[in-house]
Amino acid sequence: MNERAIVVFATDARINERLVARGMDPMEGPCLTEIVHEATGEKLTSRDALRLWHPERLVEDPRVRAVLERRLAAS
């Protein structure tokens, strides 16, 4: 899978999470907390997810990367 596409998808998930945290409607696609919960089982607040999971870390973690790749392929 294209590395750039995965990083962009991870960044979009973070942007959606920021929108949700500000009380706005997210763009089409997943939010960061959904991705992290699906991959790790962790339930994080928006603030904690944004603080802990930057795009590079999302792509480097094999559990999260697998979820990103699966969701990207389905979109």
PDB file of N, CA and C in Angstrom:
ATOM      1  N   MET A   1       0.848  -1.171   0.000  1.00  0.00           N
ATOM      2  CA  MET A   1       0.000   0.000   0.000  1.00  0.00           C
ATOM      3  C   MET A   1       0.895   1.235   0.000  1.00  0.00           C
ATOM      4  N   ASN A   2       0.441   2.282  -0.632  1.00  0.00           N
ATOM      5  CA  ASN A   2       1.178   3.529  -0.766  1.00  0.00           C
ATOM      6  C   ASN A   2       1.394   4.177   0.610  1.00  0.00           C
ATOM      7  N   GLU A   3       2.634   4.372   0.994  1.00  0.00           N
ATOM      8  CA  GLU A   3       2.993   4.949   2.294  1.00  0.00           C
ATOM      9  C   GLU A   3       2.391   6.336   2.484  1.00  0.00           C
ATOM     10  N   ARG A   4       2.443   7.130   1.453  1.00  0.00           N
ATOM     11  CA  ARG A   4       1.909   8.504   1.524  1.00  0.00           C
ATOM     12  C   ARG A   4       0.415   8.484   1.796  1.00  0.00           C
ATOM     13  N   ALA A   5      -0.311   7.591   1.169  1.00  0.00           N
ATOM     14  CA  ALA A   5      -1.754   7.494   1.374  1.00  0.00           C
ATOM     15  C   ALA A   5      -2.086   7.125   2.818  1.00  0.00           C
ATOM     16  N   ILE A   6      -1.284   6.252   3.403  1.00  0.00           N
ATOM     17  CA  ILE A   6      -1.510   5.846   4.792  1.00  0.00           C
ATOM     18  C   ILE A   6      -1.267   7.019   5.742  1.00  0.00           C
ATOM     19  N   VAL A   7      -0.199   7.770   5.513  1.00  0.00           N
ATOM     20  CA  VAL A   7       0.100   8.938   6.355  1.00  0.00           C
ATOM     21  C   VAL A   7      -1.001   9.993   6.216  1.00  0.00           C
ATOM     22  N   VAL A   8      -1.470  10.219   5.016  1.00  0.00           N
ATOM     23  CA  VAL A   8      -2.555  11.186   4.797  1.00  0.00           C
ATOM     24  C   VAL A   8      -3.824  10.731   5.518  1.00  0.00           C
ATOM     25  N   PHE A   9      -4.139   9.439   5.449  1.00  0.00           N
ATOM     26  CA  PHE A   9      -5.308   8.893   6.122  1.00  0.00           C
ATOM     27  C   PHE A   9      -5.182   9.068   7.642  1.00  0.00           C
ATOM     28  N   ALA A  10      -3.989   8.825   8.184  1.00  0.00           N
ATOM     29  CA  ALA A  10      -3.746   9.022   9.612  1.00  0.00           C
ATOM     30  C   ALA A  10      -3.901  10.494   9.993  1.00  0.00           C
ATOM     31  N   THR A  11      -3.407  11.377   9.156  1.00  0.00           N
ATOM     32  CA  THR A  11      -3.535  12.813   9.404  1.00  0.00           C
ATOM     33  C   THR A  11      -4.996  13.237   9.357  1.00  0.00           C
ATOM     34  N   ASP A  12      -5.748  12.716   8.415  1.00  0.00           N
ATOM     35  CA  ASP A  12      -7.178  13.014   8.329  1.00  0.00           C
ATOM     36  C   ASP A  12      -7.918  12.560   9.587  1.00  0.00           C
ATOM     37  N   ALA A  13      -7.534  11.406  10.125  1.00  0.00           N
ATOM     38  CA  ALA A  13      -8.158  10.914  11.363  1.00  0.00           C
ATOM     39  C   ALA A  13      -7.881  11.879  12.512  1.00  0.00           C
ATOM     40  N   ARG A  14      -6.672  12.426  12.556  1.00  0.00           N
ATOM     41  CA  ARG A  14      -6.338  13.418  13.591  1.00  0.00           C
ATOM     42  C   ARG A  14      -7.115  14.712  13.392  1.00  0.00           C
ATOM     43  N   ILE A  15      -7.268  15.147  12.151  1.00  0.00           N
ATOM     44  CA  ILE A  15      -8.031  16.362  11.871  1.00  0.00           C
ATOM     45  C   ILE A  15      -9.479  16.172  12.294  1.00  0.00           C
ATOM     46  N   ASN A  16     -10.055  15.019  11.960  1.00  0.00           N
ATOM     47  CA  ASN A  16     -11.429  14.735  12.380  1.00  0.00           C
ATOM     48  C   ASN A  16     -11.552  14.771  13.897  1.00  0.00           C
ATOM     49  N   GLU A  17     -10.562  14.224  14.581  1.00  0.00           N
ATOM     50  CA  GLU A  17     -10.599  14.229  16.051  1.00  0.00           C
ATOM     51  C   GLU A  17     -10.551  15.649  16.590  1.00  0.00           C
ATOM     52  N   ARG A  18      -9.740  16.501  15.979  1.00  0.00           N
ATOM     53  CA  ARG A  18      -9.687  17.908  16.404  1.00  0.00           C
ATOM     54  C   ARG A  18     -11.038  18.583  16.203  1.00  0.00           C
ATOM     55  N   LEU A  19     -11.684  18.298  15.084  1.00  0.00           N
ATOM     56  CA  LEU A  19     -12.999  18.881  14.823  1.00  0.00           C
ATOM     57  C   LEU A  19     -14.015  18.430  15.871  1.00  0.00           C
ATOM     58  N   VAL A  20     -14.013  17.145  16.170  1.00  0.00           N
ATOM     59  CA  VAL A  20     -14.930  16.610  17.184  1.00  0.00           C
ATOM     60  C   VAL A  20     -14.636  17.243  18.545  1.00  0.00           C
ATOM     61  N   ALA A  21     -13.367  17.368  18.888  1.00  0.00           N
ATOM     62  CA  ALA A  21     -12.980  17.952  20.173  1.00  0.00           C
ATOM     63  C   ALA A  21     -13.447  19.401  20.291  1.00  0.00           C
ATOM     64  N   ARG A  22     -13.582  20.076  19.175  1.00  0.00           N
ATOM     65  CA  ARG A  22     -14.042  21.478  19.173  1.00  0.00           C
ATOM     66  C   ARG A  22     -15.552  21.587  19.010  1.00  0.00           C
ATOM     67  N   GLY A  23     -16.241  20.451  18.998  1.00  0.00           N
ATOM     68  CA  GLY A  23     -17.694  20.468  18.887  1.00  0.00           C
ATOM     69  C   GLY A  23     -18.199  20.648  17.473  1.00  0.00           C
ATOM     70  N   MET A  24     -17.360  20.390  16.494  1.00  0.00           N
ATOM     71  CA  MET A  24     -17.741  20.544  15.089  1.00  0.00           C
ATOM     72  C   MET A  24     -17.975  19.173  14.470  1.00  0.00           C
ATOM     73  N   ASP A  25     -18.647  19.161  13.338  1.00  0.00           N
ATOM     74  CA  ASP A  25     -18.864  17.918  12.617  1.00  0.00           C
ATOM     75  C   ASP A  25     -17.575  17.509  11.908  1.00  0.00           C
ATOM     76  N   PRO A  26     -17.213  16.230  11.992  1.00  0.00           N
ATOM     77  CA  PRO A  26     -15.990  15.772  11.305  1.00  0.00           C
ATOM     78  C   PRO A  26     -16.221  15.617   9.809  1.00  0.00           C
ATOM     79  N   MET A  27     -15.119  15.556   9.074  1.00  0.00           N
ATOM     80  CA  MET A  27     -15.178  15.254   7.643  1.00  0.00           C
ATOM     81  C   MET A  27     -15.544  13.779   7.508  1.00  0.00           C
ATOM     82  N   GLU A  28     -15.774  13.356   6.290  1.00  0.00           N
ATOM     83  CA  GLU A  28     -16.027  11.939   6.059  1.00  0.00           C
ATOM     84  C   GLU A  28     -14.760  11.157   6.395  1.00  0.00           C
ATOM     85  N   GLY A  29     -14.917  10.050   7.079  1.00  0.00           N
ATOM     86  CA  GLY A  29     -13.775   9.223   7.454  1.00  0.00           C
ATOM     87  C   GLY A  29     -13.706   9.032   8.949  1.00  0.00           C
ATOM     88  N   PRO A  30     -12.751   8.239   9.406  1.00  0.00           N
ATOM     89  CA  PRO A  30     -12.663   7.898  10.822  1.00  0.00           C
ATOM     90  C   PRO A  30     -12.056   9.010  11.661  1.00  0.00           C
ATOM     91  N   CYS A  31     -12.297   8.917  12.953  1.00  0.00           N
ATOM     92  CA  CYS A  31     -11.660   9.797  13.925  1.00  0.00           C
ATOM     93  C   CYS A  31     -10.535   9.017  14.603  1.00  0.00           C
ATOM     94  N   LEU A  32      -9.602   9.731  15.127  1.00  0.00           N
ATOM     95  CA  LEU A  32      -8.429   9.135  15.755  1.00  0.00           C
ATOM     96  C   LEU A  32      -8.792   8.168  16.876  1.00  0.00           C
ATOM     97  N   THR A  33      -9.732   8.561  17.735  1.00  0.00           N
ATOM     98  CA  THR A  33     -10.086   7.685  18.850  1.00  0.00           C
ATOM     99  C   THR A  33     -10.664   6.360  18.362  1.00  0.00           C
ATOM    100  N   GLU A  34     -11.400   6.377  17.247  1.00  0.00           N
ATOM    101  CA  GLU A  34     -11.939   5.137  16.672  1.00  0.00           C
ATOM    102  C   GLU A  34     -10.809   4.221  16.207  1.00  0.00           C
ATOM    103  N   ILE A  35      -9.852   4.791  15.515  1.00  0.00           N
ATOM    104  CA  ILE A  35      -8.720   4.026  14.995  1.00  0.00           C
ATOM    105  C   ILE A  35      -7.927   3.395  16.144  1.00  0.00           C
ATOM    106  N   VAL A  36      -7.604   4.204  17.149  1.00  0.00           N
ATOM    107  CA  VAL A  36      -6.813   3.709  18.275  1.00  0.00           C
ATOM    108  C   VAL A  36      -7.590   2.642  19.050  1.00  0.00           C
ATOM    109  N   HIS A  37      -8.874   2.859  19.257  1.00  0.00           N
ATOM    110  CA  HIS A  37      -9.676   1.874  19.992  1.00  0.00           C
ATOM    111  C   HIS A  37      -9.753   0.552  19.234  1.00  0.00           C
ATOM    112  N   GLU A  38      -9.972   0.624  17.924  1.00  0.00           N
ATOM    113  CA  GLU A  38     -10.042  -0.596  17.118  1.00  0.00           C
ATOM    114  C   GLU A  38      -8.712  -1.353  17.124  1.00  0.00           C
ATOM    115  N   ALA A  39      -7.621  -0.608  17.098  1.00  0.00           N
ATOM    116  CA  ALA A  39      -6.297  -1.235  17.019  1.00  0.00           C
ATOM    117  C   ALA A  39      -5.782  -1.751  18.355  1.00  0.00           C
ATOM    118  N   THR A  40      -6.011  -0.989  19.409  1.00  0.00           N
ATOM    119  CA  THR A  40      -5.386  -1.323  20.688  1.00  0.00           C
ATOM    120  C   THR A  40      -6.378  -1.686  21.786  1.00  0.00           C
ATOM    121  N   GLY A  41      -7.641  -1.352  21.590  1.00  0.00           N
ATOM    122  CA  GLY A  41      -8.639  -1.576  22.628  1.00  0.00           C
ATOM    123  C   GLY A  41      -8.680  -0.453  23.653  1.00  0.00           C
ATOM    124  N   GLU A  42      -7.799   0.543  23.509  1.00  0.00           N
ATOM    125  CA  GLU A  42      -7.747   1.681  24.429  1.00  0.00           C
ATOM    126  C   GLU A  42      -8.862   2.661  24.133  1.00  0.00           C
ATOM    127  N   LYS A  43      -9.562   3.094  25.185  1.00  0.00           N
ATOM    128  CA  LYS A  43     -10.558   4.152  25.058  1.00  0.00           C
ATOM    129  C   LYS A  43      -9.900   5.431  25.567  1.00  0.00           C
ATOM    130  N   LEU A  44      -9.598   6.338  24.663  1.00  0.00           N
ATOM    131  CA  LEU A  44      -8.943   7.585  25.034  1.00  0.00           C
ATOM    132  C   LEU A  44      -9.872   8.766  24.802  1.00  0.00           C
ATOM    133  N   THR A  45      -9.658   9.825  25.554  1.00  0.00           N
ATOM    134  CA  THR A  45     -10.355  11.074  25.272  1.00  0.00           C
ATOM    135  C   THR A  45      -9.722  11.685  24.019  1.00  0.00           C
ATOM    136  N   SER A  46     -10.419  12.601  23.412  1.00  0.00           N
ATOM    137  CA  SER A  46      -9.868  13.280  22.232  1.00  0.00           C
ATOM    138  C   SER A  46      -8.536  13.939  22.565  1.00  0.00           C
ATOM    139  N   ARG A  47      -8.493  14.605  23.695  1.00  0.00           N
ATOM    140  CA  ARG A  47      -7.275  15.310  24.093  1.00  0.00           C
ATOM    141  C   ARG A  47      -6.090  14.350  24.239  1.00  0.00           C
ATOM    142  N   ASP A  48      -6.306  13.227  24.930  1.00  0.00           N
ATOM    143  CA  ASP A  48      -5.224  12.259  25.113  1.00  0.00           C
ATOM    144  C   ASP A  48      -4.808  11.619  23.797  1.00  0.00           C
ATOM    145  N   ALA A  49      -5.777  11.298  22.967  1.00  0.00           N
ATOM    146  CA  ALA A  49      -5.465  10.688  21.668  1.00  0.00           C
ATOM    147  C   ALA A  49      -4.631  11.636  20.818  1.00  0.00           C
ATOM    148  N   LEU A  50      -5.005  12.896  20.789  1.00  0.00           N
ATOM    149  CA  LEU A  50      -4.251  13.871  19.994  1.00  0.00           C
ATOM    150  C   LEU A  50      -2.854  14.094  20.559  1.00  0.00           C
ATOM    151  N   ARG A  51      -2.716  14.042  21.860  1.00  0.00           N
ATOM    152  CA  ARG A  51      -1.417  14.256  22.495  1.00  0.00           C
ATOM    153  C   ARG A  51      -0.489  13.052  22.270  1.00  0.00           C
ATOM    154  N   LEU A  52      -1.024  11.859  22.332  1.00  0.00           N
ATOM    155  CA  LEU A  52      -0.202  10.652  22.280  1.00  0.00           C
ATOM    156  C   LEU A  52       0.041  10.106  20.877  1.00  0.00           C
ATOM    157  N   TRP A  53      -0.888  10.309  19.967  1.00  0.00           N
ATOM    158  CA  TRP A  53      -0.830   9.629  18.669  1.00  0.00           C
ATOM    159  C   TRP A  53      -0.663  10.613  17.521  1.00  0.00           C
ATOM    160  N   HIS A  54       0.558  11.010  17.240  1.00  0.00           N
ATOM    161  CA  HIS A  54       0.837  11.847  16.073  1.00  0.00           C
ATOM    162  C   HIS A  54       0.897  10.931  14.840  1.00  0.00           C
ATOM    163  N   PRO A  55       0.782  11.474  13.624  1.00  0.00           N
ATOM    164  CA  PRO A  55       0.702  10.628  12.420  1.00  0.00           C
ATOM    165  C   PRO A  55       1.851   9.636  12.259  1.00  0.00           C
ATOM    166  N   GLU A  56       3.067  10.046  12.595  1.00  0.00           N
ATOM    167  CA  GLU A  56       4.205   9.133  12.439  1.00  0.00           C
ATOM    168  C   GLU A  56       4.077   7.932  13.377  1.00  0.00           C
ATOM    169  N   ARG A  57       3.629   8.180  14.589  1.00  0.00           N
ATOM    170  CA  ARG A  57       3.459   7.076  15.538  1.00  0.00           C
ATOM    171  C   ARG A  57       2.334   6.146  15.076  1.00  0.00           C
ATOM    172  N   LEU A  58       1.281   6.714  14.514  1.00  0.00           N
ATOM    173  CA  LEU A  58       0.181   5.898  14.007  1.00  0.00           C
ATOM    174  C   LEU A  58       0.669   4.922  12.949  1.00  0.00           C
ATOM    175  N   VAL A  59       1.493   5.413  12.044  1.00  0.00           N
ATOM    176  CA  VAL A  59       1.985   4.597  10.936  1.00  0.00           C
ATOM    177  C   VAL A  59       3.026   3.579  11.419  1.00  0.00           C
ATOM    178  N   GLU A  60       3.795   3.919  12.440  1.00  0.00           N
ATOM    179  CA  GLU A  60       4.850   3.032  12.934  1.00  0.00           C
ATOM    180  C   GLU A  60       4.313   1.876  13.772  1.00  0.00           C
ATOM    181  N   ASP A  61       3.185   2.057  14.445  1.00  0.00           N
ATOM    182  CA  ASP A  61       2.617   1.001  15.284  1.00  0.00           C
ATOM    183  C   ASP A  61       1.938  -0.028  14.379  1.00  0.00           C
ATOM    184  N   PRO A  62       2.380  -1.283  14.396  1.00  0.00           N
ATOM    185  CA  PRO A  62       1.837  -2.281  13.464  1.00  0.00           C
ATOM    186  C   PRO A  62       0.344  -2.543  13.638  1.00  0.00           C
ATOM    187  N   ARG A  63      -0.164  -2.447  14.863  1.00  0.00           N
ATOM    188  CA  ARG A  63      -1.598  -2.669  15.099  1.00  0.00           C
ATOM    189  C   ARG A  63      -2.418  -1.561  14.462  1.00  0.00           C
ATOM    190  N   VAL A  64      -1.975  -0.331  14.674  1.00  0.00           N
ATOM    191  CA  VAL A  64      -2.691   0.821  14.133  1.00  0.00           C
ATOM    192  C   VAL A  64      -2.540   0.869  12.616  1.00  0.00           C
ATOM    193  N   ARG A  65      -1.351   0.583  12.148  1.00  0.00           N
ATOM    194  CA  ARG A  65      -1.114   0.577  10.695  1.00  0.00           C
ATOM    195  C   ARG A  65      -2.030  -0.423   9.995  1.00  0.00           C
ATOM    196  N   ALA A  66      -2.230  -1.581  10.601  1.00  0.00           N
ATOM    197  CA  ALA A  66      -3.117  -2.587  10.006  1.00  0.00           C
ATOM    198  C   ALA A  66      -4.548  -2.062   9.901  1.00  0.00           C
ATOM    199  N   VAL A  67      -5.002  -1.362  10.925  1.00  0.00           N
ATOM    200  CA  VAL A  67      -6.353  -0.782  10.894  1.00  0.00           C
ATOM    201  C   VAL A  67      -6.421   0.309   9.827  1.00  0.00           C
ATOM    202  N   LEU A  68      -5.401   1.165   9.766  1.00  0.00           N
ATOM    203  CA  LEU A  68      -5.364   2.219   8.750  1.00  0.00           C
ATOM    204  C   LEU A  68      -5.408   1.622   7.341  1.00  0.00           C
ATOM    205  N   GLU A  69      -4.599   0.601   7.106  1.00  0.00           N
ATOM    206  CA  GLU A  69      -4.566  -0.031   5.781  1.00  0.00           C
ATOM    207  C   GLU A  69      -5.910  -0.658   5.434  1.00  0.00           C
ATOM    208  N   ARG A  70      -6.516  -1.329   6.401  1.00  0.00           N
ATOM    209  CA  ARG A  70      -7.811  -1.964   6.169  1.00  0.00           C
ATOM    210  C   ARG A  70      -8.899  -0.923   5.855  1.00  0.00           C
ATOM    211  N   ARG A  71      -8.915   0.144   6.626  1.00  0.00           N
ATOM    212  CA  ARG A  71      -9.919   1.192   6.413  1.00  0.00           C
ATOM    213  C   ARG A  71      -9.663   1.936   5.097  1.00  0.00           C
ATOM    214  N   LEU A  72      -8.414   2.155   4.784  1.00  0.00           N
ATOM    215  CA  LEU A  72      -8.072   2.843   3.529  1.00  0.00           C
ATOM    216  C   LEU A  72      -8.475   1.996   2.343  1.00  0.00           C
ATOM    217  N   ALA A  73      -8.255   0.696   2.409  1.00  0.00           N
ATOM    218  CA  ALA A  73      -8.636  -0.191   1.314  1.00  0.00           C
ATOM    219  C   ALA A  73     -10.155  -0.250   1.133  1.00  0.00           C
ATOM    220  N   ALA A  74     -10.890  -0.101   2.239  1.00  0.00           N
ATOM    221  CA  ALA A  74     -12.350  -0.166   2.179  1.00  0.00           C
ATOM    222  C   ALA A  74     -12.971   1.140   1.693  1.00  0.00           C
ATOM    223  N   SER A  75     -12.204   2.211   1.733  1.00  0.00           N
ATOM    224  CA  SER A  75     -12.781   3.521   1.331  1.00  0.00           C
ATOM    225  C   SER A  75     -12.661   3.779  -0.145  1.00  0.00           C
TER     226      SER A  75
END
